[in-house]
């Protein structure tokens, strides 16, 4: 997590001595919420990998999700240029806001559905809910998932050669879904693929 320590921050401009923390979805990049940390909350977050805040109203630590189960699992941390704000990219388990919504900010969604689907698949992998096709794929393992990717790729190619646009879209959607499952199984993100493509382009 970028080896950030609490001593890296300059909180001289923060009247209450608390560090503002912005939480962003690591997959969709949507801003989820704002909270505050003291040293103890920050160090607990780093040690446990789940976001813990300092509650200004209750004057105590609180780990997001400790009662609801909607934890924020830390993916990475970034310090801002003035060293007085922290950005945490997290993988949320369930809704972040107490209203039951994805985020505390009602901003329009700008990312495409593929990133949303990738986030859903990540959460299926973390939670492994019953009666989920995605769960069954993860249980069967990488060989089965890779086999499905191969099958859907062949079916997509056949429809392309036949010039059947509607069927090609249908099969390509199946291919994309299973490919995203395979990425998750291999612990590879869409960002990893984007970085590789950007590197090749450069």
Protein backbone atom coordinates (compact mmCIF):
# COMPACT_ATOMS: atom_id res chain seq x y z
CA UNK A 1 0.00 0.00 0.00
CA UNK A 2 2.68 2.42 -1.14
CA UNK A 3 4.50 2.19 2.23
CA UNK A 4 2.69 5.23 3.63
CA UNK A 5 2.95 5.84 7.37
CA UNK A 6 0.99 8.28 9.50
CA UNK A 7 4.14 10.33 9.98
CA UNK A 8 4.10 11.11 6.24
CA UNK A 9 1.10 13.41 6.76
CA UNK A 10 1.11 17.10 7.61
CA UNK A 11 -2.02 17.77 9.65
CA UNK A 12 -1.08 21.29 10.74
CA UNK A 13 -3.91 22.71 8.60
CA UNK A 14 -6.49 20.31 10.06
CA UNK A 15 -8.10 22.05 13.01
CA UNK A 16 -9.11 18.82 14.74
CA UNK A 17 -5.88 17.01 13.87
CA UNK A 18 -7.79 14.36 11.93
CA UNK A 19 -6.83 13.14 8.48
CA UNK A 20 -9.55 13.44 5.78
CA UNK A 21 -9.87 10.17 3.87
CA UNK A 22 -11.57 9.76 0.50
CA UNK A 23 -12.76 6.25 -0.35
CA UNK A 24 -12.88 5.26 -4.03
CA UNK A 25 -14.03 1.99 -5.56
CA UNK A 26 -10.87 0.27 -6.80
CA UNK A 27 -12.65 -1.16 -9.85
CA UNK A 28 -15.29 1.36 -10.94
CA UNK A 29 -13.31 4.41 -9.68
CA UNK A 30 -16.53 5.81 -8.20
CA UNK A 31 -16.03 8.00 -5.12
CA UNK A 32 -17.84 6.20 -2.30
CA UNK A 33 -17.50 8.31 0.85
CA UNK A 34 -15.44 10.65 3.00
CA UNK A 35 -14.28 9.86 6.52
CA UNK A 36 -11.59 10.80 9.01
CA UNK A 37 -8.72 8.98 10.69
CA UNK A 38 -6.45 9.55 13.62
CA UNK A 39 -3.17 7.67 13.96
CA UNK A 40 -4.79 4.66 15.62
CA UNK A 41 -7.47 4.35 12.91
CA UNK A 42 -4.86 4.63 10.17
CA UNK A 43 -2.59 2.01 11.69
CA UNK A 44 -5.51 -0.36 12.30
CA UNK A 45 -6.54 0.07 8.65
CA UNK A 46 -3.04 -0.77 7.45
CA UNK A 47 -2.70 -3.75 9.80
CA UNK A 48 -6.09 -5.35 9.07
CA UNK A 49 -6.70 -4.31 5.45
CA UNK A 50 -10.20 -3.04 6.27
CA UNK A 51 -10.95 0.67 6.48
CA UNK A 52 -11.30 1.98 10.03
CA UNK A 53 -12.30 5.58 10.72
CA UNK A 54 -12.35 7.83 13.75
CA UNK A 55 -15.92 8.89 14.54
CA UNK A 56 -16.06 12.56 15.42
CA UNK A 57 -19.55 12.24 16.87
CA UNK A 58 -18.86 9.17 19.03
CA UNK A 59 -15.21 10.03 19.69
CA UNK A 60 -14.04 6.47 19.00
CA UNK A 61 -12.76 4.17 16.26
CA UNK A 62 -15.22 2.42 13.97
CA UNK A 63 -14.47 -0.11 11.29
CA UNK A 64 -16.76 0.37 8.30
CA UNK A 65 -18.95 -2.73 8.14
CA UNK A 66 -18.45 -3.91 11.72
CA UNK A 67 -22.23 -4.05 12.24
CA UNK A 68 -23.54 -4.25 8.66
CA UNK A 69 -20.89 -6.54 7.20
CA UNK A 70 -20.34 -3.99 4.41
CA UNK A 71 -16.58 -3.76 4.83
CA UNK A 72 -14.22 -1.67 2.72
CA UNK A 73 -11.26 -3.89 1.84
CA UNK A 74 -8.19 -1.80 1.11
CA UNK A 75 -6.65 -2.20 -2.34
CA UNK A 76 -4.22 0.74 -2.25
CA UNK A 77 -3.53 4.10 -0.64
CA UNK A 78 -2.34 7.41 -2.08
CA UNK A 79 -1.24 10.57 -0.28
CA UNK A 80 -2.08 13.93 -1.88
CA UNK A 81 0.43 16.61 -2.88
CA UNK A 82 0.02 18.62 0.35
CA UNK A 83 0.25 15.48 2.52
CA UNK A 84 -2.99 16.39 4.29
CA UNK A 85 -5.48 14.03 2.60
CA UNK A 86 -5.52 10.30 1.97
CA UNK A 87 -7.13 8.48 -0.96
CA UNK A 88 -7.97 4.84 -0.35
CA UNK A 89 -8.95 2.62 -3.26
CA UNK A 90 -11.09 -0.13 -1.79
CA UNK A 91 -13.12 -3.16 -2.76
CA UNK A 92 -16.46 -2.67 -1.00
CA UNK A 93 -18.48 -5.60 0.30
CA UNK A 94 -22.06 -4.51 -0.29
CA UNK A 95 -23.34 -0.91 -0.30
CA UNK A 96 -21.18 1.76 1.30
CA UNK A 97 -23.80 4.30 2.36
CA UNK A 98 -26.09 3.77 5.39
CA UNK A 99 -29.00 4.38 2.99
CA UNK A 100 -28.18 1.11 1.28
CA UNK A 101 -26.81 2.84 -1.81
CA UNK A 102 -23.51 2.16 -3.55
CA UNK A 103 -22.04 5.47 -2.42
CA UNK A 104 -22.74 8.45 -0.19
CA UNK A 105 -22.47 10.71 -3.26
CA UNK A 106 -25.32 10.46 -5.77
CA UNK A 107 -23.10 11.13 -8.76
CA UNK A 108 -24.08 9.77 -12.17
CA UNK A 109 -22.23 6.66 -13.20
CA UNK A 110 -19.64 7.42 -15.87
CA UNK A 111 -17.86 4.11 -16.18
CA UNK A 112 -19.06 1.51 -18.65
CA UNK A 113 -20.94 -1.62 -17.63
CA UNK A 114 -17.90 -3.82 -18.20
CA UNK A 115 -16.17 -2.24 -15.19
CA UNK A 116 -19.36 -2.62 -13.17
CA UNK A 117 -19.56 -6.27 -14.17
CA UNK A 118 -15.92 -6.75 -13.22
CA UNK A 119 -16.70 -5.32 -9.77
CA UNK A 120 -19.69 -7.64 -9.40
CA UNK A 121 -17.52 -10.64 -10.31
CA UNK A 122 -14.89 -9.58 -7.77
CA UNK A 123 -17.55 -9.44 -5.08
CA UNK A 124 -18.97 -12.81 -6.08
CA UNK A 125 -15.46 -14.21 -5.69
CA UNK A 126 -15.10 -12.63 -2.25
CA UNK A 127 -18.53 -13.61 -0.97
CA UNK A 128 -19.17 -16.86 -2.93
CA UNK A 129 -22.99 -16.65 -2.63
CA UNK A 130 -25.06 -19.79 -3.11
CA UNK A 131 -27.08 -20.26 -6.32
CA UNK A 132 -24.67 -18.12 -8.33
CA UNK A 133 -23.29 -19.32 -11.68
CA UNK A 134 -20.19 -17.22 -11.05
CA UNK A 135 -19.64 -18.96 -7.72
CA UNK A 136 -19.92 -22.36 -9.42
CA UNK A 137 -17.26 -21.33 -11.93
CA UNK A 138 -14.86 -20.28 -9.17
CA UNK A 139 -15.46 -23.55 -7.35
CA UNK A 140 -14.62 -25.53 -10.51
CA UNK A 141 -11.37 -23.63 -10.86
CA UNK A 142 -9.15 -22.15 -13.53
CA UNK A 143 -9.27 -25.10 -15.96
CA UNK A 144 -13.05 -24.95 -16.28
CA UNK A 145 -13.08 -21.16 -16.54
CA UNK A 146 -10.35 -21.20 -19.19
CA UNK A 147 -12.26 -23.90 -21.08
CA UNK A 148 -15.38 -21.70 -21.13
CA UNK A 149 -13.34 -18.75 -22.44
CA UNK A 150 -12.02 -20.96 -25.24
CA UNK A 151 -15.49 -22.25 -26.12
CA UNK A 152 -17.02 -18.77 -26.21
CA UNK A 153 -14.10 -17.45 -28.29
CA UNK A 154 -14.63 -20.17 -30.89
CA UNK A 155 -18.39 -19.55 -30.97
CA UNK A 156 -17.79 -15.81 -31.40
CA UNK A 157 -15.37 -16.46 -34.25
CA UNK A 158 -17.85 -18.76 -36.00
CA UNK A 159 -20.60 -16.13 -35.88
CA UNK A 160 -18.17 -13.48 -37.16
CA UNK A 161 -17.16 -15.64 -40.11
CA UNK A 162 -20.82 -16.34 -40.86
CA UNK A 163 -21.53 -12.60 -40.83
CA UNK A 164 -24.25 -12.99 -38.18
CA UNK A 165 -23.97 -9.71 -36.27
CA UNK A 166 -26.73 -10.35 -33.72
CA UNK A 167 -25.41 -13.80 -32.84
CA UNK A 168 -21.86 -12.46 -32.74
CA UNK A 169 -22.89 -9.83 -30.16
CA UNK A 170 -24.57 -12.54 -28.08
CA UNK A 171 -21.55 -14.85 -28.15
CA UNK A 172 -19.09 -11.96 -27.64
CA UNK A 173 -21.00 -10.98 -24.49
CA UNK A 174 -20.63 -14.55 -23.21
CA UNK A 175 -16.93 -14.40 -24.04
CA UNK A 176 -16.46 -11.08 -22.25
CA UNK A 177 -18.18 -12.34 -19.10
CA UNK A 178 -16.12 -15.53 -18.89
CA UNK A 179 -12.95 -13.58 -19.70
CA UNK A 180 -13.64 -11.26 -16.75
CA UNK A 181 -14.14 -14.29 -14.51
CA UNK A 182 -10.81 -15.69 -15.71
CA UNK A 183 -9.08 -12.37 -15.00
CA UNK A 184 -10.44 -12.42 -11.46
CA UNK A 185 -9.39 -16.05 -11.01
CA UNK A 186 -5.87 -15.07 -12.10
CA UNK A 187 -5.88 -12.01 -9.81
CA UNK A 188 -5.54 -9.70 -12.82
CA UNK A 189 -7.56 -6.48 -13.09
CA UNK A 190 -8.79 -4.58 -16.11
CA UNK A 191 -6.29 -1.90 -15.08
CA UNK A 192 -3.48 -4.43 -15.41
CA UNK A 193 -4.58 -5.17 -18.98
CA UNK A 194 -4.92 -1.46 -19.75
CA UNK A 195 -1.39 -0.82 -18.45
CA UNK A 196 0.01 -3.59 -20.66
CA UNK A 197 -1.77 -2.19 -23.72
CA UNK A 198 -0.60 1.32 -22.90
CA UNK A 199 2.97 0.06 -22.53
CA UNK A 200 2.80 -1.63 -25.93
CA UNK A 201 1.32 1.49 -27.51
CA UNK A 202 4.14 3.65 -26.17
